[in-house]
């Protein structure tokens, strides 16, 4: 090897050592925090950031993380993915170059999917806090150190289909879904359940993202006369389709089941437009329904809710809660592993998979997503006269326990 070649190799090695050491610099462990702080995902991304930061604050106030004989405080390095896959990939590369290889991120499914592809080389560990298409978790597709605290959008389809069939006994269902990755994942889950019920007719209506006027789609539903319409729009589309459905009197013609509502969306919908609508949700800030059935889960949820109110004078949105849980688990992994090495942190969580989250008992699966005892919650929307405060937009009527949350590991390519 020539002198210049040897010198180049040594320089690269030194830069790597310096870079990897950044995560431990000055008695601080740095972790990446990246959400959609601008762009379409901004309303959700901002509260997700708050969730991750609250988790870090709690750990620091409890004394930090002890590794060996040394105690470290945790520092968040916050970045914006701008709701763009290419920007997110670039930001992840920047984190890695700076020695920050542990991250919590994820607002939109297509952005998080791009991040998974970026870390297929094992360069970083990521816990996403949003849901993505189930195919990403298949063994041949998932990055070695990729997890998500929420799960797969396909599960929304399976769980809501199970509930609709059990509760409403329909003969004809229309699924009105957004025409992008999120909606298509939900559709996969719906088909998996409805195909087992050939006596039920399932029809799809697809709406483009950013549709300002849903009148033609709503009128088509009214004319078709289904027993139930399952809606699944997101962001401002969700707000608009529910407002316009109320204005056009859709609930007088069919039962409306909205697949996944969150507080940030409900806040933009007139109370009368939610009144009586059946709502599926990953989580709700008030889990009083579990107060007698599962006191431990209720008390833990109340602790987090009160901490959130004290910090932000608001209730935790569903997506914020998943970001909080993702960060808590990342930091638990560091403590267990006694390391910030992605492989060791990931392995520590796999070897100690059980945890208590906002929504109750959970455990990590080998495909990188958790199984929650309470998979989903079902609520009925409240009108203005039924609300105790501005956050009280639904009455939870069921904590849904179902195996439909995740496909069997064998089907995901794991033995």
Protein backbone atom coordinates (compact mmCIF):
# COMPACT_ATOMS: atom_id res chain seq x y z
CA UNK A 1 0.00 0.00 0.00
CA UNK A 2 1.38 3.41 -0.96
CA UNK A 3 2.06 6.07 1.66
CA UNK A 4 -0.77 8.26 0.32
CA UNK A 5 -3.18 5.33 0.23
CA UNK A 6 -2.31 4.42 3.82
CA UNK A 7 -2.73 8.05 4.89
CA UNK A 8 -6.18 8.21 3.26
CA UNK A 9 -7.34 5.08 5.05
CA UNK A 10 -6.11 6.39 8.40
CA UNK A 11 -7.89 9.72 7.84
CA UNK A 12 -11.19 7.97 7.01
CA UNK A 13 -10.87 5.84 10.14
CA UNK A 14 -10.17 8.88 12.30
CA UNK A 15 -13.16 10.74 10.84
CA UNK A 16 -15.37 7.74 11.55
CA UNK A 17 -14.22 7.55 15.15
CA UNK A 18 -14.76 11.28 15.63
CA UNK A 19 -18.15 11.09 13.95
CA UNK A 20 -19.42 8.12 15.97
CA UNK A 21 -18.29 9.88 19.13
CA UNK A 22 -20.60 12.84 18.59
CA UNK A 23 -23.52 10.91 20.12
CA UNK A 24 -21.56 10.74 23.39
CA UNK A 25 -19.96 14.20 23.39
CA UNK A 26 -19.86 16.31 26.57
CA UNK A 27 -21.81 13.88 28.77
CA UNK A 28 -24.73 14.07 26.34
CA UNK A 29 -26.37 11.42 24.20
CA UNK A 30 -27.71 13.00 21.02
CA UNK A 31 -30.73 11.49 19.27
CA UNK A 32 -32.31 12.53 16.01
CA UNK A 33 -35.88 13.85 15.96
CA UNK A 34 -37.40 14.42 12.53
CA UNK A 35 -40.98 15.10 11.57
CA UNK A 36 -42.89 17.09 8.95
CA UNK A 37 -42.61 20.55 10.49
CA UNK A 38 -43.45 22.21 7.17
CA UNK A 39 -45.44 21.04 4.16
CA UNK A 40 -48.67 19.05 4.17
CA UNK A 41 -47.81 17.15 7.32
CA UNK A 42 -46.96 20.20 9.45
CA UNK A 43 -50.03 20.20 11.78
CA UNK A 44 -49.31 16.59 12.77
CA UNK A 45 -45.51 16.82 12.69
CA UNK A 46 -45.39 19.68 15.17
CA UNK A 47 -47.30 17.77 17.85
CA UNK A 48 -45.24 14.65 17.15
CA UNK A 49 -42.12 16.67 17.88
CA UNK A 50 -43.69 17.76 21.17
CA UNK A 51 -44.33 14.12 22.08
CA UNK A 52 -40.73 13.10 21.47
CA UNK A 53 -39.38 16.08 23.40
CA UNK A 54 -41.63 15.42 26.40
CA UNK A 55 -40.31 11.85 26.60
CA UNK A 56 -36.73 13.16 26.60
CA UNK A 57 -37.58 15.73 29.29
CA UNK A 58 -39.03 13.03 31.55
CA UNK A 59 -35.97 10.82 31.19
CA UNK A 60 -33.61 13.73 31.88
CA UNK A 61 -35.59 14.85 34.93
CA UNK A 62 -35.45 11.29 36.25
CA UNK A 63 -31.65 11.47 36.15
CA UNK A 64 -30.77 10.70 32.54
CA UNK A 65 -29.26 7.48 31.21
CA UNK A 66 -26.52 5.67 33.09
CA UNK A 67 -24.01 3.80 30.95
CA UNK A 68 -21.34 2.14 33.01
CA UNK A 69 -20.30 4.56 35.74
CA UNK A 70 -21.30 7.64 33.79
CA UNK A 71 -24.65 9.40 33.59
CA UNK A 72 -25.69 11.11 30.36
CA UNK A 73 -28.40 13.62 29.61
CA UNK A 74 -30.30 13.19 26.34
CA UNK A 75 -30.28 15.95 23.73
CA UNK A 76 -32.65 16.10 20.77
CA UNK A 77 -31.31 17.24 17.41
CA UNK A 78 -34.50 18.33 15.63
CA UNK A 79 -34.87 18.47 11.86
CA UNK A 80 -37.69 18.93 9.34
CA UNK A 81 -38.38 16.41 6.58
CA UNK A 82 -40.64 19.01 4.86
CA UNK A 83 -43.09 16.15 4.07
CA UNK A 84 -40.72 15.12 1.27
CA UNK A 85 -39.07 11.68 0.93
CA UNK A 86 -35.89 13.05 -0.67
CA UNK A 87 -35.45 15.63 2.08
CA UNK A 88 -35.98 12.98 4.76
CA UNK A 89 -33.34 10.73 3.20
CA UNK A 90 -30.89 13.63 3.06
CA UNK A 91 -31.54 14.50 6.69
CA UNK A 92 -30.94 10.89 7.76
CA UNK A 93 -27.62 10.92 5.95
CA UNK A 94 -26.72 14.13 7.78
CA UNK A 95 -27.57 12.56 11.13
CA UNK A 96 -25.37 9.54 10.39
CA UNK A 97 -22.48 11.71 9.19
CA UNK A 98 -22.69 13.60 12.49
CA UNK A 99 -22.55 10.38 14.48
CA UNK A 100 -26.25 10.40 15.39
CA UNK A 101 -27.44 6.91 14.51
CA UNK A 102 -30.54 6.66 16.71
CA UNK A 103 -33.66 8.50 15.53
CA UNK A 104 -37.39 8.93 16.11
CA UNK A 105 -39.26 10.23 13.09
CA UNK A 106 -42.15 9.79 10.67
CA UNK A 107 -45.29 11.76 9.80
CA UNK A 108 -46.35 10.57 6.33
CA UNK A 109 -46.17 6.94 5.17
CA UNK A 110 -44.31 7.53 1.90
CA UNK A 111 -41.64 9.58 3.68
CA UNK A 112 -41.03 6.94 6.36
CA UNK A 113 -40.90 4.22 3.72
CA UNK A 114 -38.09 6.10 1.98
CA UNK A 115 -36.20 6.30 5.28
CA UNK A 116 -36.48 2.53 5.75
CA UNK A 117 -34.87 2.06 2.33
CA UNK A 118 -32.08 4.49 3.24
CA UNK A 119 -31.06 2.49 6.32
CA UNK A 120 -31.14 -0.97 4.74
CA UNK A 121 -27.36 -0.95 5.23
CA UNK A 122 -27.80 -0.90 9.02
CA UNK A 123 -26.27 2.57 9.35
CA UNK A 124 -28.94 3.74 11.79
CA UNK A 125 -31.75 2.63 14.07
CA UNK A 126 -35.09 4.33 13.53
CA UNK A 127 -38.31 4.11 15.49
CA UNK A 128 -41.01 5.66 13.34
CA UNK A 129 -44.13 6.92 15.07
CA UNK A 130 -46.55 6.77 12.15
CA UNK A 131 -48.17 3.83 10.39
CA UNK A 132 -46.96 2.59 7.00
CA UNK A 133 -47.85 -0.12 4.53
CA UNK A 134 -47.51 -3.61 5.96
CA UNK A 135 -45.25 -4.80 3.17
CA UNK A 136 -42.43 -2.65 4.61
CA UNK A 137 -42.31 -4.97 7.64
CA UNK A 138 -41.78 -8.10 5.57
CA UNK A 139 -38.40 -9.63 6.30
CA UNK A 140 -37.07 -9.02 2.81
CA UNK A 141 -38.06 -5.32 2.90
CA UNK A 142 -37.42 -4.13 6.45
CA UNK A 143 -34.15 -2.44 7.38
CA UNK A 144 -32.33 -4.37 10.13
CA UNK A 145 -32.87 -1.72 12.82
CA UNK A 146 -36.22 -0.24 11.80
CA UNK A 147 -39.29 -0.20 14.06
CA UNK A 148 -42.51 1.76 14.36
CA UNK A 149 -44.50 2.40 17.51
CA UNK A 150 -47.78 2.57 15.60
CA UNK A 151 -47.84 -0.25 13.07
CA UNK A 152 -49.29 -0.88 9.62
CA UNK A 153 -52.04 1.00 7.82
CA UNK A 154 -53.30 -2.36 6.54
CA UNK A 155 -54.28 -3.10 10.14
CA UNK A 156 -56.73 -0.18 10.07
CA UNK A 157 -58.54 -1.91 7.22
CA UNK A 158 -58.64 -5.27 8.97
CA UNK A 159 -59.72 -3.95 12.37
CA UNK A 160 -62.40 -1.59 11.10
CA UNK A 161 -63.78 -4.24 8.73
CA UNK A 162 -64.02 -6.69 11.64
CA UNK A 163 -65.90 -4.13 13.72
CA UNK A 164 -68.26 -3.04 10.93
CA UNK A 165 -69.20 -6.62 10.08
CA UNK A 166 -69.71 -7.58 13.73
CA UNK A 167 -71.67 -4.47 14.64
CA UNK A 168 -73.70 -3.49 11.58
CA UNK A 169 -74.11 -6.81 9.74
CA UNK A 170 -73.97 -5.06 6.34
CA UNK A 171 -74.70 -6.50 2.91
CA UNK A 172 -73.15 -3.66 0.94
CA UNK A 173 -70.17 -1.53 2.00
CA UNK A 174 -68.44 1.32 0.17
CA UNK A 175 -64.87 2.16 1.14
CA UNK A 176 -64.15 5.80 0.29
CA UNK A 177 -60.37 6.13 0.56
CA UNK A 178 -57.56 8.54 -0.40
CA UNK A 179 -55.66 7.57 -3.52
CA UNK A 180 -52.11 7.24 -2.13
CA UNK A 181 -50.01 4.83 -0.02
CA UNK A 182 -52.02 5.25 3.16
CA UNK A 183 -55.36 4.59 1.48
CA UNK A 184 -54.05 1.69 -0.55
CA UNK A 185 -52.66 0.04 2.57
CA UNK A 186 -56.04 0.36 4.29
CA UNK A 187 -57.66 -1.17 1.21
CA UNK A 188 -55.40 -4.21 1.40
CA UNK A 189 -56.53 -4.78 4.98
CA UNK A 190 -60.20 -4.32 4.12
CA UNK A 191 -59.97 -6.89 1.33
CA UNK A 192 -58.28 -9.41 3.61
CA UNK A 193 -61.36 -9.42 5.84
CA UNK A 194 -64.19 -8.85 3.38
CA UNK A 195 -62.93 -11.62 1.09
CA UNK A 196 -63.86 -14.02 3.89
CA UNK A 197 -67.45 -12.74 3.65
CA UNK A 198 -68.50 -13.25 0.02
CA UNK A 199 -72.09 -12.36 0.94
CA UNK A 200 -70.99 -8.75 1.55
CA UNK A 201 -70.44 -6.53 -1.47
CA UNK A 202 -67.39 -4.26 -1.10
CA UNK A 203 -66.87 -1.36 -3.49
CA UNK A 204 -64.09 1.26 -3.55
CA UNK A 205 -64.30 4.97 -4.30
CA UNK A 206 -60.92 6.74 -4.54
CA UNK A 207 -60.44 10.44 -3.84
CA UNK A 208 -57.33 12.36 -4.97
CA UNK A 209 -55.22 13.93 -2.22
CA UNK A 210 -56.03 17.62 -1.84
CA UNK A 211 -59.57 17.38 -3.17
CA UNK A 212 -61.33 20.68 -2.33
CA UNK A 213 -64.86 19.53 -3.23
CA UNK A 214 -66.06 16.00 -2.39
CA UNK A 215 -69.63 16.60 -3.59
CA UNK A 216 -69.50 14.22 -6.55
CA UNK A 217 -68.07 11.41 -4.42
CA UNK A 218 -70.62 11.90 -1.64
CA UNK A 219 -73.53 12.03 -4.11
CA UNK A 220 -72.31 8.81 -5.69
CA UNK A 221 -72.37 7.16 -2.26
CA UNK A 222 -75.91 8.42 -1.62
CA UNK A 223 -77.08 7.15 -5.01
CA UNK A 224 -75.45 3.75 -4.44
CA UNK A 225 -77.28 3.24 -1.10
CA UNK A 226 -74.69 1.17 0.82
CA UNK A 227 -75.46 -0.02 4.34
CA UNK A 228 -72.16 1.44 5.56
CA UNK A 229 -69.54 3.77 4.09
CA UNK A 230 -66.02 3.43 5.52
CA UNK A 231 -64.09 6.66 5.05
CA UNK A 232 -60.36 7.02 5.47
CA UNK A 233 -59.16 10.44 4.33
CA UNK A 234 -56.31 12.18 6.17
CA UNK A 235 -55.27 15.74 6.96
CA UNK A 236 -57.38 18.55 5.55
CA UNK A 237 -59.12 16.03 3.26
CA UNK A 238 -60.58 14.30 6.34
CA UNK A 239 -61.92 17.59 7.66
CA UNK A 240 -63.47 18.56 4.33
CA UNK A 241 -65.13 15.24 3.52
CA UNK A 242 -66.79 15.02 6.94
CA UNK A 243 -67.96 18.64 6.80
CA UNK A 244 -69.35 18.17 3.29
CA UNK A 245 -70.94 14.82 4.20
CA UNK A 246 -72.87 16.61 6.95
CA UNK A 247 -73.89 19.44 4.64
CA UNK A 248 -75.18 16.96 2.06
CA UNK A 249 -76.99 14.83 4.66
CA UNK A 250 -75.05 11.62 4.01
CA UNK A 251 -75.85 10.15 7.44
CA UNK A 252 -79.56 10.17 6.54
CA UNK A 253 -78.85 7.64 3.81
CA UNK A 254 -76.15 5.37 5.22
CA UNK A 255 -74.10 4.61 8.31
CA UNK A 256 -70.79 6.52 8.35
CA UNK A 257 -67.74 4.85 9.86
CA UNK A 258 -64.64 7.03 9.82
CA UNK A 259 -61.62 4.73 9.97
CA UNK A 260 -59.05 6.82 11.86
CA UNK A 261 -59.69 10.15 13.60
CA UNK A 262 -57.22 12.16 15.68
CA UNK A 263 -57.64 15.27 17.84
CA UNK A 264 -55.91 17.61 15.39
CA UNK A 265 -58.45 16.65 12.72
CA UNK A 266 -61.46 16.65 15.04
CA UNK A 267 -60.59 20.20 16.08
CA UNK A 268 -61.21 21.39 12.51
CA UNK A 269 -64.56 19.64 12.08
CA UNK A 270 -67.78 21.31 13.25
CA UNK A 271 -69.24 19.32 16.19
CA UNK A 272 -72.50 18.75 14.33
CA UNK A 273 -70.58 17.04 11.51
CA UNK A 274 -69.12 14.51 13.96
CA UNK A 275 -72.28 13.99 15.97
CA UNK A 276 -73.29 10.32 15.79
CA UNK A 277 -70.49 9.29 13.43
CA UNK A 278 -68.77 6.05 14.44
CA UNK A 279 -65.04 6.72 14.76
CA UNK A 280 -62.14 4.32 14.73
CA UNK A 281 -58.97 5.53 16.45
CA UNK A 282 -55.58 4.18 17.41
CA UNK A 283 -55.87 6.01 20.73
CA UNK A 284 -57.93 8.58 22.63
CA UNK A 285 -56.71 10.91 25.36
CA UNK A 286 -59.42 9.79 27.82
CA UNK A 287 -59.30 6.05 28.54
CA UNK A 288 -61.91 6.08 31.32
CA UNK A 289 -63.46 3.06 29.66
CA UNK A 290 -60.56 1.05 31.13
CA UNK A 291 -60.74 2.54 34.64
CA UNK A 292 -62.36 -0.54 36.19
CA UNK A 293 -61.34 -3.16 33.63
CA UNK A 294 -57.61 -2.33 33.60
CA UNK A 295 -56.62 0.17 36.32
CA UNK A 296 -52.88 -0.05 35.51
CA UNK A 297 -53.41 1.02 31.91
CA UNK A 298 -55.86 3.75 32.92
CA UNK A 299 -53.52 5.17 35.57
CA UNK A 300 -50.54 5.18 33.20
CA UNK A 301 -52.58 6.90 30.49
CA UNK A 302 -53.76 9.50 33.01
CA UNK A 303 -50.17 10.13 34.13
CA UNK A 304 -49.10 10.85 30.55
CA UNK A 305 -52.18 12.96 29.83
CA UNK A 306 -51.61 15.11 32.94
CA UNK A 307 -47.91 15.53 32.10
CA UNK A 308 -48.90 16.63 28.61
CA UNK A 309 -51.45 19.12 29.92
CA UNK A 310 -48.88 20.56 32.30
CA UNK A 311 -46.26 20.91 29.56
CA UNK A 312 -48.41 22.06 26.63
CA UNK A 313 -51.82 23.02 28.04
CA UNK A 314 -53.39 20.58 25.63
CA UNK A 315 -54.32 16.90 25.37
CA UNK A 316 -51.95 14.55 23.56
CA UNK A 317 -52.97 13.90 19.99
CA UNK A 318 -52.84 10.28 18.82
CA UNK A 319 -49.76 10.90 16.67
CA UNK A 320 -48.05 12.82 19.46
CA UNK A 321 -48.66 9.91 21.82
CA UNK A 322 -47.02 7.47 19.40
CA UNK A 323 -44.01 9.78 19.09
CA UNK A 324 -43.80 9.92 22.88
CA UNK A 325 -43.89 6.12 23.09
CA UNK A 326 -41.32 5.77 20.29
CA UNK A 327 -38.84 8.02 22.11
CA UNK A 328 -39.45 6.32 25.45
CA UNK A 329 -38.67 2.97 23.86
CA UNK A 330 -35.56 4.26 22.08
CA UNK A 331 -34.19 5.57 25.37
CA UNK A 332 -35.15 2.35 27.18
CA UNK A 333 -33.19 0.46 24.53
CA UNK A 334 -30.10 2.62 25.10
CA UNK A 335 -30.30 2.01 28.84
CA UNK A 336 -30.73 -1.75 28.40
CA UNK A 337 -27.95 -2.01 25.80
CA UNK A 338 -25.58 0.29 27.67
CA UNK A 339 -24.70 1.60 24.25
CA UNK A 340 -25.80 3.86 21.39
CA UNK A 341 -24.80 1.31 18.78
CA UNK A 342 -27.91 0.67 16.62
CA UNK A 343 -27.45 -3.10 16.53
CA UNK A 344 -27.09 -3.34 20.31
CA UNK A 345 -30.01 -1.03 21.07
CA UNK A 346 -32.27 -2.90 18.66
CA UNK A 347 -31.24 -6.27 20.07
CA UNK A 348 -31.85 -5.06 23.62
CA UNK A 349 -35.46 -4.23 22.77
CA UNK A 350 -35.97 -7.54 20.99
CA UNK A 351 -34.65 -9.39 24.06
CA UNK A 352 -36.79 -7.27 26.41
CA UNK A 353 -39.86 -6.69 24.26
CA UNK A 354 -42.54 -5.96 26.84
CA UNK A 355 -43.41 -2.38 27.73
CA UNK A 356 -46.30 -0.31 29.08
CA UNK A 357 -47.32 2.34 26.59
CA UNK A 358 -49.91 5.11 26.67
CA UNK A 359 -52.50 2.62 25.43
CA UNK A 360 -51.55 -0.25 27.72
CA UNK A 361 -49.46 -3.44 27.63
CA UNK A 362 -47.45 -4.04 24.47
CA UNK A 363 -44.55 -6.08 23.19
CA UNK A 364 -42.21 -5.80 20.21
CA UNK A 365 -42.44 -8.37 17.43
CA UNK A 366 -39.45 -9.51 15.34
CA UNK A 367 -40.90 -7.65 12.33
CA UNK A 368 -40.32 -4.32 14.11
CA UNK A 369 -43.80 -3.38 15.28
CA UNK A 370 -45.51 -3.75 18.61
CA UNK A 371 -48.58 -5.80 19.41
CA UNK A 372 -50.88 -3.83 21.70
CA UNK A 373 -53.40 -5.57 23.93
CA UNK A 374 -55.84 -2.81 23.07
CA UNK A 375 -55.39 -2.63 19.33
CA UNK A 376 -57.94 0.04 18.52
CA UNK A 377 -60.62 2.17 20.10
CA UNK A 378 -64.15 2.78 18.85
CA UNK A 379 -65.98 6.00 19.63
CA UNK A 380 -69.15 7.87 18.75
CA UNK A 381 -68.73 11.51 17.75
CA UNK A 382 -70.30 14.11 20.05
CA UNK A 383 -72.23 17.21 19.09
CA UNK A 384 -71.57 20.54 20.78
CA UNK A 385 -74.28 20.04 23.44
CA UNK A 386 -72.63 16.78 24.61
CA UNK A 387 -69.06 18.08 24.98
CA UNK A 388 -67.55 18.86 28.37
CA UNK A 389 -64.66 20.81 26.82
CA UNK A 390 -63.05 21.48 23.45
CA UNK A 391 -61.19 18.14 23.51
CA UNK A 392 -64.24 16.01 24.30
CA UNK A 393 -65.15 15.10 20.72
CA UNK A 394 -66.06 11.41 21.21
CA UNK A 395 -67.43 8.87 23.64
CA UNK A 396 -65.29 5.74 23.64
CA UNK A 397 -67.57 2.70 23.56
CA UNK A 398 -65.04 -0.09 23.04
CA UNK A 399 -61.38 -0.90 23.60
CA UNK A 400 -61.02 -3.28 20.69
CA UNK A 401 -58.90 -6.37 21.33
CA UNK A 402 -58.13 -8.25 18.14
CA UNK A 403 -55.46 -10.40 16.52
CA UNK A 404 -56.15 -8.48 13.29
CA UNK A 405 -53.68 -5.80 14.42
CA UNK A 406 -50.79 -7.82 12.94
CA UNK A 407 -50.51 -10.66 10.46
CA UNK A 408 -48.89 -13.86 11.76
CA UNK A 409 -45.09 -13.67 11.69
CA UNK A 410 -44.95 -16.61 9.28
CA UNK A 411 -46.85 -14.54 6.72
CA UNK A 412 -44.32 -11.74 7.18
CA UNK A 413 -41.40 -14.05 6.37
CA UNK A 414 -40.33 -14.77 9.94
CA UNK A 415 -40.13 -18.28 11.37
